[in-house]
Protein backbone atom coordinates (compact mmCIF):
# COMPACT_ATOMS: atom_id res chain seq x y z
CA SER A 1 -4.92 -26.40 -31.62
CA ARG A 2 -2.55 -27.95 -34.08
CA ALA A 3 1.12 -27.95 -33.30
CA LEU A 4 3.48 -25.64 -35.20
CA PRO A 5 7.23 -26.02 -35.71
CA GLY A 6 9.26 -24.93 -32.68
CA ARG A 7 10.94 -22.17 -34.67
CA THR A 8 7.56 -20.44 -35.25
CA HIS A 9 7.46 -16.99 -33.66
CA GLY A 10 4.87 -16.56 -30.93
CA LEU A 11 3.06 -13.76 -32.76
CA THR A 12 2.88 -15.82 -35.96
CA ALA A 13 1.46 -18.76 -33.98
CA ALA A 14 -1.07 -16.52 -32.22
CA ARG A 15 -2.24 -15.16 -35.57
CA ALA A 16 -2.37 -18.63 -37.15
CA HIS A 17 -4.55 -19.94 -34.30
CA GLY A 18 -6.83 -16.88 -34.35
CA ILE A 19 -5.82 -15.73 -30.87
CA VAL A 20 -4.98 -12.17 -31.91
CA GLN A 21 -8.29 -11.75 -33.74
CA ALA A 22 -10.27 -13.30 -30.87
CA CYS A 23 -8.68 -10.90 -28.37
CA LEU A 24 -9.43 -7.95 -30.64
CA THR A 25 -13.04 -9.05 -31.17
CA ARG A 26 -13.66 -9.61 -27.46
CA HIS A 27 -11.58 -6.59 -26.31
CA ILE A 28 -9.31 -8.78 -24.18
CA LEU A 29 -6.20 -7.01 -22.93
CA VAL A 30 -2.98 -8.95 -23.52
CA LEU A 31 0.38 -8.13 -21.94
CA ALA A 32 3.20 -9.15 -24.28
CA ASP A 33 6.91 -8.55 -24.74
CA ARG A 34 8.41 -6.14 -27.28
CA ALA A 35 8.53 -8.84 -29.96
CA HIS A 36 4.75 -8.58 -30.25
CA GLN A 37 4.57 -4.88 -31.12
CA GLY A 38 2.00 -4.27 -33.83
CA ALA A 39 -0.16 -7.25 -32.85
CA GLY A 40 -3.25 -5.15 -32.35
CA SER A 41 -4.85 -2.53 -30.17
CA THR A 42 -5.51 -4.88 -27.23
CA VAL A 43 -1.91 -6.14 -27.07
CA ARG A 44 0.17 -4.01 -24.70
CA THR A 45 3.94 -4.08 -25.01
CA PRO A 46 6.53 -2.13 -23.02
CA TYR A 47 7.80 1.17 -24.30
CA LYS A 48 11.14 1.07 -26.05
CA ASN A 49 14.00 2.18 -23.86
CA HIS A 50 15.27 5.56 -24.94
CA GLN A 51 17.91 7.65 -23.23
CA GLN A 52 15.51 10.12 -21.63
CA GLN A 53 12.31 8.14 -21.15
CA PRO A 54 9.53 10.01 -19.31
CA GLU A 55 8.82 8.79 -15.79
CA HIS A 56 5.30 7.57 -16.68
CA TYR A 57 6.78 5.37 -19.46
CA GLN A 58 9.27 3.93 -16.96
CA GLN A 59 6.48 3.29 -14.46
CA PHE A 60 4.35 1.61 -17.16
CA ASN A 61 7.29 -0.65 -18.05
CA ARG A 62 7.85 -1.58 -14.38
CA ASP A 63 4.15 -2.38 -13.88
CA HIS A 64 4.04 -4.32 -17.14
CA ALA A 65 7.06 -6.43 -16.11
CA ARG A 66 5.61 -7.06 -12.64
CA LEU A 67 2.32 -8.32 -14.08
CA ARG A 68 4.05 -10.56 -16.64
CA ALA A 69 6.59 -12.05 -14.19
CA PRO A 70 4.47 -14.98 -12.88
CA GLY A 71 3.76 -16.18 -16.42
CA GLU A 72 7.40 -15.84 -17.42
CA ARG A 73 8.45 -17.89 -14.38
CA ALA A 74 5.89 -20.58 -15.25
CA PHE A 75 7.20 -20.86 -18.82
CA ALA A 76 10.78 -21.03 -17.55
CA GLN A 77 9.80 -23.90 -15.27
CA LEU A 78 8.11 -25.75 -18.15
CA LYS A 79 11.26 -25.40 -20.23
CA SER A 80 13.28 -27.04 -17.44
CA TRP A 81 11.20 -30.23 -17.54
CA HIS A 82 13.42 -32.65 -19.45
CA ILE A 83 10.52 -34.94 -20.35
CA LEU A 84 9.09 -32.23 -22.61
CA ARG A 85 12.31 -31.78 -24.60
CA ARG A 86 12.07 -35.10 -26.38
CA ALA A 87 8.32 -35.55 -26.38
CA ARG A 88 7.00 -36.73 -29.73
CA CYS A 89 3.32 -37.27 -29.04
CA SER A 90 0.03 -35.48 -29.55
CA THR A 91 -0.58 -32.08 -28.00
CA ASN A 92 -3.45 -33.59 -25.97
CA ARG A 93 -1.09 -36.10 -24.40
CA ILE A 94 1.49 -33.40 -23.67
CA THR A 95 -1.23 -31.39 -21.91
CA ARG A 96 -2.06 -34.37 -19.67
CA ILE A 97 1.64 -35.00 -18.95
CA THR A 98 2.20 -31.34 -18.09
CA THR A 99 -0.82 -31.31 -15.77
CA ALA A 100 0.40 -34.46 -14.01
CA ILE A 101 3.92 -33.07 -13.53
CA HIS A 102 2.54 -29.78 -12.22
CA THR A 103 0.29 -31.64 -9.77
CA LEU A 104 3.19 -33.74 -8.49
CA LEU A 105 5.43 -30.68 -8.06
CA THR A 106 2.69 -28.75 -6.29
CA CYS A 107 2.05 -31.63 -3.87
CA ARG A 108 5.79 -32.03 -3.20
CA ASN A 109 6.32 -28.30 -2.59
CA SER A 110 3.26 -27.84 -0.35
CA GLY A 111 4.00 -30.77 1.96
């Protein structure tokens, strides 16, 4: 997919690339943060925190956060890779670089 400016909101990018519509069409469940409320019926966001939130809302929010945590950690790790901060090349090349870095880190951490 074509690159968008870094300031582009995630929901705007997902709509521009047809991801939201594809998930709706295929009935794919997506777990997203609160910033994506209103994205569609298959996009699940946490309930807003109110003073007296029912227990089942609190449990839903805990489960939602637990399921999203591995992805959030992966994105945090990607953001720490200094090589990606100044990269000015095609998205295909960035994908190959990211895959190579991940492979090297995985080999280093498993040995």
